[in-house]
Amino acid sequence: KRNVNVKVRGKEQIQFGKDEIDLSYIEQLVDESQTRAIAQALVYLKKHLLDEDRPLKNTLDKITETVNSNGLDELIPGYPGDLAEFRWYELAAALNRVRTLKTN
């Protein structure tokens, strides 16, 4: 439940704590603002959803539902903007590249 330091380096790389997440092969990402939104979605998942006992697909559906209902601002309350919408499988691809992720 600790906070994680997240930095976005262009549209193709996220620094998630100590992990470097390479998104260069996710061709559907067209703007850095999508990468920023994915980075914040990873933080949101870490804080709110990954500890729950549910399949990953259901977890990704839950975050997609949350974003669709409340907008991207739900990922960073009070954030002024500059996030762009992404699809759940782009988030899944980023999550798949987190090397320190442990699942049951």
PDB file of N, CA and C in Angstrom:
ATOM      1  N   LYS A   1       0.821  -1.218   0.000  1.00  0.00           N
ATOM      2  CA  LYS A   1       0.000   0.000   0.000  1.00  0.00           C
ATOM      3  C   LYS A   1       0.855   1.268   0.000  1.00  0.00           C
ATOM      4  N   ARG A   2       2.161   1.103  -0.145  1.00  0.00           N
ATOM      5  CA  ARG A   2       3.014   2.281  -0.217  1.00  0.00           C
ATOM      6  C   ARG A   2       2.775   3.029  -1.517  1.00  0.00           C
ATOM      7  N   ASN A   3       3.066   4.323  -1.487  1.00  0.00           N
ATOM      8  CA  ASN A   3       3.003   5.100  -2.711  1.00  0.00           C
ATOM      9  C   ASN A   3       4.136   4.677  -3.624  1.00  0.00           C
ATOM     10  N   VAL A   4       3.898   4.755  -4.899  1.00  0.00           N
ATOM     11  CA  VAL A   4       4.921   4.399  -5.872  1.00  0.00           C
ATOM     12  C   VAL A   4       5.236   5.637  -6.702  1.00  0.00           C
ATOM     13  N   ASN A   5       6.502   5.830  -6.993  1.00  0.00           N
ATOM     14  CA  ASN A   5       6.940   6.950  -7.805  1.00  0.00           C
ATOM     15  C   ASN A   5       6.775   6.571  -9.271  1.00  0.00           C
ATOM     16  N   VAL A   6       6.032   7.382 -10.027  1.00  0.00           N
ATOM     17  CA  VAL A   6       5.762   7.104 -11.432  1.00  0.00           C
ATOM     18  C   VAL A   6       6.195   8.283 -12.277  1.00  0.00           C
ATOM     19  N   LYS A   7       6.949   7.986 -13.346  1.00  0.00           N
ATOM     20  CA  LYS A   7       7.353   9.012 -14.304  1.00  0.00           C
ATOM     21  C   LYS A   7       7.116   8.479 -15.704  1.00  0.00           C
ATOM     22  N   VAL A   8       6.643   9.343 -16.569  1.00  0.00           N
ATOM     23  CA  VAL A   8       6.423   8.978 -17.966  1.00  0.00           C
ATOM     24  C   VAL A   8       7.521   9.616 -18.789  1.00  0.00           C
ATOM     25  N   ARG A   9       8.147   8.797 -19.618  1.00  0.00           N
ATOM     26  CA  ARG A   9       9.226   9.281 -20.486  1.00  0.00           C
ATOM     27  C   ARG A   9       8.805   9.050 -21.935  1.00  0.00           C
ATOM     28  N   GLY A  10       8.125  10.035 -22.488  1.00  0.00           N
ATOM     29  CA  GLY A  10       7.611   9.898 -23.846  1.00  0.00           C
ATOM     30  C   GLY A  10       6.420   8.969 -23.873  1.00  0.00           C
ATOM     31  N   LYS A  11       6.010   8.596 -25.065  1.00  0.00           N
ATOM     32  CA  LYS A  11       4.837   7.711 -25.168  1.00  0.00           C
ATOM     33  C   LYS A  11       5.199   6.243 -25.020  1.00  0.00           C
ATOM     34  N   GLU A  12       6.493   5.933 -24.936  1.00  0.00           N
ATOM     35  CA  GLU A  12       6.902   4.539 -24.969  1.00  0.00           C
ATOM     36  C   GLU A  12       7.523   4.008 -23.691  1.00  0.00           C
ATOM     37  N   GLN A  13       7.590   4.810 -22.622  1.00  0.00           N
ATOM     38  CA  GLN A  13       8.245   4.297 -21.419  1.00  0.00           C
ATOM     39  C   GLN A  13       7.641   4.909 -20.160  1.00  0.00           C
ATOM     40  N   ILE A  14       7.457   4.028 -19.167  1.00  0.00           N
ATOM     41  CA  ILE A  14       6.983   4.429 -17.845  1.00  0.00           C
ATOM     42  C   ILE A  14       7.991   3.933 -16.826  1.00  0.00           C
ATOM     43  N   GLN A  15       8.391   4.807 -15.924  1.00  0.00           N
ATOM     44  CA  GLN A  15       9.203   4.413 -14.772  1.00  0.00           C
ATOM     45  C   GLN A  15       8.209   4.206 -13.633  1.00  0.00           C
ATOM     46  N   PHE A  16       7.991   2.950 -13.247  1.00  0.00           N
ATOM     47  CA  PHE A  16       7.019   2.595 -12.211  1.00  0.00           C
ATOM     48  C   PHE A  16       7.797   2.056 -11.024  1.00  0.00           C
ATOM     49  N   GLY A  17       8.073   2.932 -10.061  1.00  0.00           N
ATOM     50  CA  GLY A  17       8.955   2.548  -8.967  1.00  0.00           C
ATOM     51  C   GLY A  17      10.333   2.292  -9.531  1.00  0.00           C
ATOM     52  N   LYS A  18      10.850   1.086  -9.327  1.00  0.00           N
ATOM     53  CA  LYS A  18      12.158   0.729  -9.873  1.00  0.00           C
ATOM     54  C   LYS A  18      12.056   0.055 -11.234  1.00  0.00           C
ATOM     55  N   ASP A  19      10.839  -0.237 -11.671  1.00  0.00           N
ATOM     56  CA  ASP A  19      10.636  -0.925 -12.947  1.00  0.00           C
ATOM     57  C   ASP A  19      10.575   0.060 -14.106  1.00  0.00           C
ATOM     58  N   GLU A  20      11.237  -0.307 -15.186  1.00  0.00           N
ATOM     59  CA  GLU A  20      11.102   0.391 -16.458  1.00  0.00           C
ATOM     60  C   GLU A  20      10.102  -0.401 -17.288  1.00  0.00           C
ATOM     61  N   ILE A  21       9.014   0.229 -17.691  1.00  0.00           N
ATOM     62  CA  ILE A  21       8.003  -0.446 -18.494  1.00  0.00           C
ATOM     63  C   ILE A  21       8.138   0.063 -19.926  1.00  0.00           C
ATOM     64  N   ASP A  22       8.520  -0.828 -20.824  1.00  0.00           N
ATOM     65  CA  ASP A  22       8.720  -0.488 -22.232  1.00  0.00           C
ATOM     66  C   ASP A  22       7.424  -0.725 -22.995  1.00  0.00           C
ATOM     67  N   LEU A  23       6.852   0.346 -23.520  1.00  0.00           N
ATOM     68  CA  LEU A  23       5.600   0.260 -24.263  1.00  0.00           C
ATOM     69  C   LEU A  23       5.814   0.464 -25.759  1.00  0.00           C
ATOM     70  N   SER A  24       7.043   0.363 -26.209  1.00  0.00           N
ATOM     71  CA  SER A  24       7.348   0.685 -27.603  1.00  0.00           C
ATOM     72  C   SER A  24       6.658  -0.251 -28.600  1.00  0.00           C
ATOM     73  N   TYR A  25       6.320  -1.460 -28.197  1.00  0.00           N
ATOM     74  CA  TYR A  25       5.663  -2.388 -29.107  1.00  0.00           C
ATOM     75  C   TYR A  25       4.142  -2.326 -29.042  1.00  0.00           C
ATOM     76  N   ILE A  26       3.615  -1.429 -28.258  1.00  0.00           N
ATOM     77  CA  ILE A  26       2.166  -1.225 -28.217  1.00  0.00           C
ATOM     78  C   ILE A  26       1.863  -0.114 -29.217  1.00  0.00           C
ATOM     79  N   GLU A  27       1.639  -0.514 -30.451  1.00  0.00           N
ATOM     80  CA  GLU A  27       1.513   0.442 -31.548  1.00  0.00           C
ATOM     81  C   GLU A  27       0.255   1.296 -31.482  1.00  0.00           C
ATOM     82  N   GLN A  28      -0.744   0.864 -30.717  1.00  0.00           N
ATOM     83  CA  GLN A  28      -1.986   1.617 -30.631  1.00  0.00           C
ATOM     84  C   GLN A  28      -1.838   2.891 -29.811  1.00  0.00           C
ATOM     85  N   LEU A  29      -0.781   2.996 -29.003  1.00  0.00           N
ATOM     86  CA  LEU A  29      -0.551   4.225 -28.248  1.00  0.00           C
ATOM     87  C   LEU A  29      -0.016   5.284 -29.207  1.00  0.00           C
ATOM     88  N   VAL A  30      -0.722   6.388 -29.298  1.00  0.00           N
ATOM     89  CA  VAL A  30      -0.336   7.405 -30.270  1.00  0.00           C
ATOM     90  C   VAL A  30       0.091   8.719 -29.629  1.00  0.00           C
ATOM     91  N   ASP A  31      -0.108   8.843 -28.308  1.00  0.00           N
ATOM     92  CA  ASP A  31       0.220  10.105 -27.669  1.00  0.00           C
ATOM     93  C   ASP A  31       0.713   9.858 -26.244  1.00  0.00           C
ATOM     94  N   GLU A  32       1.585  10.728 -25.794  1.00  0.00           N
ATOM     95  CA  GLU A  32       2.134  10.622 -24.439  1.00  0.00           C
ATOM     96  C   GLU A  32       1.041  10.738 -23.376  1.00  0.00           C
ATOM     97  N   SER A  33      -0.032  11.444 -23.677  1.00  0.00           N
ATOM     98  CA  SER A  33      -1.112  11.588 -22.698  1.00  0.00           C
ATOM     99  C   SER A  33      -1.803  10.252 -22.419  1.00  0.00           C
ATOM    100  N   GLN A  34      -1.825   9.343 -23.392  1.00  0.00           N
ATOM    101  CA  GLN A  34      -2.346   7.995 -23.144  1.00  0.00           C
ATOM    102  C   GLN A  34      -1.409   7.243 -22.199  1.00  0.00           C
ATOM    103  N   THR A  35      -0.128   7.404 -22.407  1.00  0.00           N
ATOM    104  CA  THR A  35       0.853   6.748 -21.538  1.00  0.00           C
ATOM    105  C   THR A  35       0.751   7.287 -20.118  1.00  0.00           C
ATOM    106  N   ARG A  36       0.533   8.601 -19.974  1.00  0.00           N
ATOM    107  CA  ARG A  36       0.345   9.176 -18.638  1.00  0.00           C
ATOM    108  C   ARG A  36      -0.891   8.591 -17.968  1.00  0.00           C
ATOM    109  N   ALA A  37      -1.962   8.432 -18.729  1.00  0.00           N
ATOM    110  CA  ALA A  37      -3.191   7.858 -18.174  1.00  0.00           C
ATOM    111  C   ALA A  37      -2.965   6.399 -17.764  1.00  0.00           C
ATOM    112  N   ILE A  38      -2.240   5.640 -18.560  1.00  0.00           N
ATOM    113  CA  ILE A  38      -1.943   4.254 -18.221  1.00  0.00           C
ATOM    114  C   ILE A  38      -1.088   4.191 -16.963  1.00  0.00           C
ATOM    115  N   ALA A  39      -0.115   5.087 -16.849  1.00  0.00           N
ATOM    116  CA  ALA A  39       0.733   5.122 -15.647  1.00  0.00           C
ATOM    117  C   ALA A  39      -0.114   5.388 -14.408  1.00  0.00           C
ATOM    118  N   GLN A  40      -1.046   6.324 -14.497  1.00  0.00           N
ATOM    119  CA  GLN A  40      -1.904   6.627 -13.354  1.00  0.00           C
ATOM    120  C   GLN A  40      -2.884   5.485 -13.091  1.00  0.00           C
ATOM    121  N   ALA A  41      -3.315   4.789 -14.148  1.00  0.00           N
ATOM    122  CA  ALA A  41      -4.187   3.631 -13.963  1.00  0.00           C
ATOM    123  C   ALA A  41      -3.442   2.511 -13.234  1.00  0.00           C
ATOM    124  N   LEU A  42      -2.158   2.342 -13.520  1.00  0.00           N
ATOM    125  CA  LEU A  42      -1.359   1.351 -12.797  1.00  0.00           C
ATOM    126  C   LEU A  42      -1.284   1.685 -11.311  1.00  0.00           C
ATOM    127  N   VAL A  43      -1.111   2.969 -11.010  1.00  0.00           N
ATOM    128  CA  VAL A  43      -1.084   3.398  -9.610  1.00  0.00           C
ATOM    129  C   VAL A  43      -2.448   3.138  -8.962  1.00  0.00           C
ATOM    130  N   TYR A  44      -3.512   3.471  -9.674  1.00  0.00           N
ATOM    131  CA  TYR A  44      -4.870   3.247  -9.166  1.00  0.00           C
ATOM    132  C   TYR A  44      -5.106   1.758  -8.913  1.00  0.00           C
ATOM    133  N   LEU A  45      -4.685   0.921  -9.852  1.00  0.00           N
ATOM    134  CA  LEU A  45      -4.814  -0.525  -9.668  1.00  0.00           C
ATOM    135  C   LEU A  45      -4.072  -0.988  -8.427  1.00  0.00           C
ATOM    136  N   LYS A  46      -2.858  -0.501  -8.259  1.00  0.00           N
ATOM    137  CA  LYS A  46      -2.042  -0.898  -7.106  1.00  0.00           C
ATOM    138  C   LYS A  46      -2.719  -0.509  -5.798  1.00  0.00           C
ATOM    139  N   LYS A  47      -3.270   0.679  -5.754  1.00  0.00           N
ATOM    140  CA  LYS A  47      -3.876   1.172  -4.513  1.00  0.00           C
ATOM    141  C   LYS A  47      -5.239   0.561  -4.220  1.00  0.00           C
ATOM    142  N   HIS A  48      -6.047   0.324  -5.259  1.00  0.00           N
ATOM    143  CA  HIS A  48      -7.454   0.015  -5.030  1.00  0.00           C
ATOM    144  C   HIS A  48      -7.919  -1.367  -5.454  1.00  0.00           C
ATOM    145  N   LEU A  49      -7.306  -1.965  -6.454  1.00  0.00           N
ATOM    146  CA  LEU A  49      -7.934  -3.141  -7.040  1.00  0.00           C
ATOM    147  C   LEU A  49      -7.112  -4.421  -7.037  1.00  0.00           C
ATOM    148  N   LEU A  50      -5.802  -4.349  -7.064  1.00  0.00           N
ATOM    149  CA  LEU A  50      -5.024  -5.571  -7.237  1.00  0.00           C
ATOM    150  C   LEU A  50      -5.039  -6.493  -6.024  1.00  0.00           C
ATOM    151  N   ASP A  51      -5.351  -5.996  -4.856  1.00  0.00           N
ATOM    152  CA  ASP A  51      -5.386  -6.852  -3.671  1.00  0.00           C
ATOM    153  C   ASP A  51      -6.660  -7.686  -3.588  1.00  0.00           C
ATOM    154  N   GLU A  52      -7.656  -7.313  -4.351  1.00  0.00           N
ATOM    155  CA  GLU A  52      -8.910  -8.051  -4.321  1.00  0.00           C
ATOM    156  C   GLU A  52      -8.754  -9.370  -5.058  1.00  0.00           C
ATOM    157  N   ASP A  53      -9.517 -10.356  -4.627  1.00  0.00           N
ATOM    158  CA  ASP A  53      -9.432 -11.695  -5.210  1.00  0.00           C
ATOM    159  C   ASP A  53     -10.406 -11.798  -6.379  1.00  0.00           C
ATOM    160  N   ARG A  54      -9.933 -11.407  -7.570  1.00  0.00           N
ATOM    161  CA  ARG A  54     -10.745 -11.508  -8.776  1.00  0.00           C
ATOM    162  C   ARG A  54      -9.810 -11.709  -9.958  1.00  0.00           C
ATOM    163  N   PRO A  55     -10.294 -12.296 -11.025  1.00  0.00           N
ATOM    164  CA  PRO A  55      -9.463 -12.476 -12.214  1.00  0.00           C
ATOM    165  C   PRO A  55      -9.016 -11.120 -12.785  1.00  0.00           C
ATOM    166  N   LEU A  56      -7.877 -11.130 -13.443  1.00  0.00           N
ATOM    167  CA  LEU A  56      -7.326  -9.894 -13.998  1.00  0.00           C
ATOM    168  C   LEU A  56      -8.285  -9.241 -14.975  1.00  0.00           C
ATOM    169  N   LYS A  57      -8.950 -10.018 -15.802  1.00  0.00           N
ATOM    170  CA  LYS A  57      -9.911  -9.468 -16.768  1.00  0.00           C
ATOM    171  C   LYS A  57     -10.996  -8.683 -16.043  1.00  0.00           C
ATOM    172  N   ASN A  58     -11.504  -9.213 -14.949  1.00  0.00           N
ATOM    173  CA  ASN A  58     -12.538  -8.508 -14.177  1.00  0.00           C
ATOM    174  C   ASN A  58     -11.983  -7.236 -13.547  1.00  0.00           C
ATOM    175  N   THR A  59     -10.722  -7.279 -13.107  1.00  0.00           N
ATOM    176  CA  THR A  59     -10.084  -6.091 -12.539  1.00  0.00           C
ATOM    177  C   THR A  59      -9.954  -5.011 -13.599  1.00  0.00           C
ATOM    178  N   LEU A  60      -9.535  -5.387 -14.791  1.00  0.00           N
ATOM    179  CA  LEU A  60      -9.393  -4.413 -15.877  1.00  0.00           C
ATOM    180  C   LEU A  60     -10.750  -3.877 -16.307  1.00  0.00           C
ATOM    181  N   ASP A  61     -11.772  -4.739 -16.320  1.00  0.00           N
ATOM    182  CA  ASP A  61     -13.131  -4.266 -16.612  1.00  0.00           C
ATOM    183  C   ASP A  61     -13.594  -3.266 -15.559  1.00  0.00           C
ATOM    184  N   LYS A  62     -13.243  -3.517 -14.296  1.00  0.00           N
ATOM    185  CA  LYS A  62     -13.640  -2.631 -13.198  1.00  0.00           C
ATOM    186  C   LYS A  62     -13.018  -1.241 -13.363  1.00  0.00           C
ATOM    187  N   ILE A  63     -11.728  -1.178 -13.700  1.00  0.00           N
ATOM    188  CA  ILE A  63     -11.101   0.131 -13.866  1.00  0.00           C
ATOM    189  C   ILE A  63     -11.653   0.830 -15.103  1.00  0.00           C
ATOM    190  N   THR A  64     -11.939   0.079 -16.157  1.00  0.00           N
ATOM    191  CA  THR A  64     -12.536   0.675 -17.356  1.00  0.00           C
ATOM    192  C   THR A  64     -13.909   1.237 -17.029  1.00  0.00           C
ATOM    193  N   GLU A  65     -14.683   0.494 -16.262  1.00  0.00           N
ATOM    194  CA  GLU A  65     -16.007   0.963 -15.846  1.00  0.00           C
ATOM    195  C   GLU A  65     -15.892   2.226 -14.992  1.00  0.00           C
ATOM    196  N   THR A  66     -14.924   2.247 -14.090  1.00  0.00           N
ATOM    197  CA  THR A  66     -14.704   3.419 -13.235  1.00  0.00           C
ATOM    198  C   THR A  66     -14.352   4.642 -14.066  1.00  0.00           C
ATOM    199  N   VAL A  67     -13.447   4.470 -15.022  1.00  0.00           N
ATOM    200  CA  VAL A  67     -13.038   5.593 -15.873  1.00  0.00           C
ATOM    201  C   VAL A  67     -14.189   6.037 -16.765  1.00  0.00           C
ATOM    202  N   ASN A  68     -14.947   5.082 -17.322  1.00  0.00           N
ATOM    203  CA  ASN A  68     -16.081   5.440 -18.172  1.00  0.00           C
ATOM    204  C   ASN A  68     -17.166   6.174 -17.390  1.00  0.00           C
ATOM    205  N   SER A  69     -17.367   5.799 -16.129  1.00  0.00           N
ATOM    206  CA  SER A  69     -18.406   6.428 -15.307  1.00  0.00           C
ATOM    207  C   SER A  69     -17.981   7.798 -14.790  1.00  0.00           C
ATOM    208  N   ASN A  70     -16.739   7.887 -14.311  1.00  0.00           N
ATOM    209  CA  ASN A  70     -16.300   9.093 -13.612  1.00  0.00           C
ATOM    210  C   ASN A  70     -15.255   9.907 -14.372  1.00  0.00           C
ATOM    211  N   GLY A  71     -14.821   9.423 -15.495  1.00  0.00           N
ATOM    212  CA  GLY A  71     -13.812  10.124 -16.284  1.00  0.00           C
ATOM    213  C   GLY A  71     -12.403   9.808 -15.799  1.00  0.00           C
ATOM    214  N   LEU A  72     -11.441  10.257 -16.565  1.00  0.00           N
ATOM    215  CA  LEU A  72     -10.044  10.014 -16.243  1.00  0.00           C
ATOM    216  C   LEU A  72      -9.609  10.719 -14.961  1.00  0.00           C
ATOM    217  N   ASP A  73     -10.355  11.733 -14.547  1.00  0.00           N
ATOM    218  CA  ASP A  73     -10.028  12.432 -13.302  1.00  0.00           C
ATOM    219  C   ASP A  73     -10.105  11.518 -12.092  1.00  0.00           C
ATOM    220  N   GLU A  74     -10.820  10.409 -12.214  1.00  0.00           N
ATOM    221  CA  GLU A  74     -10.911   9.444 -11.116  1.00  0.00           C
ATOM    222  C   GLU A  74      -9.540   8.852 -10.795  1.00  0.00           C
ATOM    223  N   LEU A  75      -8.674   8.772 -11.803  1.00  0.00           N
ATOM    224  CA  LEU A  75      -7.339   8.216 -11.594  1.00  0.00           C
ATOM    225  C   LEU A  75      -6.472   9.124 -10.732  1.00  0.00           C
ATOM    226  N   ILE A  76      -6.639  10.436 -10.904  1.00  0.00           N
ATOM    227  CA  ILE A  76      -5.886  11.427 -10.122  1.00  0.00           C
ATOM    228  C   ILE A  76      -6.868  12.507  -9.698  1.00  0.00           C
ATOM    229  N   PRO A  77      -7.502  12.349  -8.550  1.00  0.00           N
ATOM    230  CA  PRO A  77      -8.446  13.392  -8.111  1.00  0.00           C
ATOM    231  C   PRO A  77      -7.750  14.751  -8.010  1.00  0.00           C
ATOM    232  N   GLY A  78      -8.371  15.750  -8.598  1.00  0.00           N
ATOM    233  CA  GLY A  78      -7.812  17.102  -8.558  1.00  0.00           C
ATOM    234  C   GLY A  78      -6.770  17.361  -9.626  1.00  0.00           C
ATOM    235  N   TYR A  79      -6.493  16.382 -10.454  1.00  0.00           N
ATOM    236  CA  TYR A  79      -5.503  16.559 -11.513  1.00  0.00           C
ATOM    237  C   TYR A  79      -6.096  17.443 -12.602  1.00  0.00           C
ATOM    238  N   PRO A  80      -5.346  18.386 -13.126  1.00  0.00           N
ATOM    239  CA  PRO A  80      -5.907  19.346 -14.078  1.00  0.00           C
ATOM    240  C   PRO A  80      -6.200  18.796 -15.472  1.00  0.00           C
ATOM    241  N   GLY A  81      -5.718  17.641 -15.801  1.00  0.00           N
ATOM    242  CA  GLY A  81      -6.014  17.096 -17.128  1.00  0.00           C
ATOM    243  C   GLY A  81      -4.772  16.542 -17.791  1.00  0.00           C
ATOM    244  N   ASP A  82      -4.763  16.591 -19.095  1.00  0.00           N
ATOM    245  CA  ASP A  82      -3.666  16.100 -19.917  1.00  0.00           C
ATOM    246  C   ASP A  82      -3.533  14.587 -19.858  1.00  0.00           C
ATOM    247  N   LEU A  83      -4.657  13.904 -19.731  1.00  0.00           N
ATOM    248  CA  LEU A  83      -4.705  12.454 -19.837  1.00  0.00           C
ATOM    249  C   LEU A  83      -5.609  12.118 -21.017  1.00  0.00           C
ATOM    250  N   ALA A  84      -5.288  11.057 -21.734  1.00  0.00           N
ATOM    251  CA  ALA A  84      -6.117  10.633 -22.863  1.00  0.00           C
ATOM    252  C   ALA A  84      -6.585   9.204 -22.636  1.00  0.00           C
ATOM    253  N   GLU A  85      -7.737   8.900 -23.184  1.00  0.00           N
ATOM    254  CA  GLU A  85      -8.341   7.595 -22.990  1.00  0.00           C
ATOM    255  C   GLU A  85      -7.494   6.486 -23.614  1.00  0.00           C
ATOM    256  N   PHE A  86      -7.542   5.338 -22.986  1.00  0.00           N
ATOM    257  CA  PHE A  86      -6.847   4.148 -23.457  1.00  0.00           C
ATOM    258  C   PHE A  86      -7.815   2.986 -23.392  1.00  0.00           C
ATOM    259  N   ARG A  87      -7.483   1.898 -24.060  1.00  0.00           N
ATOM    260  CA  ARG A  87      -8.309   0.700 -24.007  1.00  0.00           C
ATOM    261  C   ARG A  87      -7.760  -0.239 -22.943  1.00  0.00           C
ATOM    262  N   TRP A  88      -8.618  -1.111 -22.399  1.00  0.00           N
ATOM    263  CA  TRP A  88      -8.190  -1.955 -21.288  1.00  0.00           C
ATOM    264  C   TRP A  88      -7.067  -2.886 -21.691  1.00  0.00           C
ATOM    265  N   TYR A  89      -7.009  -3.319 -22.943  1.00  0.00           N
ATOM    266  CA  TYR A  89      -5.938  -4.246 -23.303  1.00  0.00           C
ATOM    267  C   TYR A  89      -4.597  -3.538 -23.454  1.00  0.00           C
ATOM    268  N   GLU A  90      -4.579  -2.224 -23.650  1.00  0.00           N
ATOM    269  CA  GLU A  90      -3.317  -1.477 -23.603  1.00  0.00           C
ATOM    270  C   GLU A  90      -2.816  -1.398 -22.161  1.00  0.00           C
ATOM    271  N   LEU A  91      -3.753  -1.246 -21.233  1.00  0.00           N
ATOM    272  CA  LEU A  91      -3.394  -1.287 -19.816  1.00  0.00           C
ATOM    273  C   LEU A  91      -2.898  -2.683 -19.440  1.00  0.00           C
ATOM    274  N   ALA A  92      -3.562  -3.710 -19.960  1.00  0.00           N
ATOM    275  CA  ALA A  92      -3.135  -5.093 -19.688  1.00  0.00           C
ATOM    276  C   ALA A  92      -1.732  -5.334 -20.239  1.00  0.00           C
ATOM    277  N   ALA A  93      -1.434  -4.797 -21.402  1.00  0.00           N
ATOM    278  CA  ALA A  93      -0.100  -4.952 -21.988  1.00  0.00           C
ATOM    279  C   ALA A  93       0.951  -4.278 -21.120  1.00  0.00           C
ATOM    280  N   ALA A  94       0.629  -3.105 -20.598  1.00  0.00           N
ATOM    281  CA  ALA A  94       1.566  -2.420 -19.692  1.00  0.00           C
ATOM    282  C   ALA A  94       1.731  -3.205 -18.403  1.00  0.00           C
ATOM    283  N   LEU A  95       0.632  -3.688 -17.856  1.00  0.00           N
ATOM    284  CA  LEU A  95       0.676  -4.471 -16.619  1.00  0.00           C
ATOM    285  C   LEU A  95       1.492  -5.753 -16.818  1.00  0.00           C
ATOM    286  N   ASN A  96       1.385  -6.348 -17.977  1.00  0.00           N
ATOM    287  CA  ASN A  96       2.138  -7.550 -18.311  1.00  0.00           C
ATOM    288  C   ASN A  96       3.647  -7.289 -18.316  1.00  0.00           C
ATOM    289  N   ARG A  97       4.041  -6.053 -18.524  1.00  0.00           N
ATOM    290  CA  ARG A  97       5.457  -5.708 -18.599  1.00  0.00           C
ATOM    291  C   ARG A  97       6.063  -5.280 -17.251  1.00  0.00           C
ATOM    292  N   VAL A  98       5.267  -5.287 -16.191  1.00  0.00           N
ATOM    293  CA  VAL A  98       5.778  -4.969 -14.858  1.00  0.00           C
ATOM    294  C   VAL A  98       6.437  -6.226 -14.318  1.00  0.00           C
ATOM    295  N   ARG A  99       7.742  -6.225 -14.263  1.00  0.00           N
ATOM    296  CA  ARG A  99       8.478  -7.439 -13.922  1.00  0.00           C
ATOM    297  C   ARG A  99       8.312  -7.856 -12.455  1.00  0.00           C
ATOM    298  N   THR A 100       8.051  -6.913 -11.580  1.00  0.00           N
ATOM    299  CA  THR A 100       7.953  -7.254 -10.157  1.00  0.00           C
ATOM    300  C   THR A 100       6.545  -7.618  -9.717  1.00  0.00           C
ATOM    301  N   LEU A 101       5.606  -7.635 -10.651  1.00  0.00           N
ATOM    302  CA  LEU A 101       4.218  -7.980 -10.326  1.00  0.00           C
ATOM    303  C   LEU A 101       4.134  -9.427  -9.902  1.00  0.00           C
ATOM    304  N   LYS A 102       3.503  -9.649  -8.759  1.00  0.00           N
ATOM    305  CA  LYS A 102       3.299 -11.006  -8.259  1.00  0.00           C
ATOM    306  C   LYS A 102       1.801 -11.278  -8.231  1.00  0.00           C
ATOM    307  N   THR A 103       1.419 -12.430  -8.764  1.00  0.00           N
ATOM    308  CA  THR A 103       0.010 -12.811  -8.783  1.00  0.00           C
ATOM    309  C   THR A 103      -0.140 -14.186  -8.157  1.00  0.00           C
ATOM    310  N   ASN A 104      -1.362 -14.508  -7.779  1.00  0.00           N
ATOM    311  CA  ASN A 104      -1.655 -15.828  -7.208  1.00  0.00           C
ATOM    312  C   ASN A 104      -2.036 -16.790  -8.288  1.00  0.00           C
TER     313      ASN A 104
END
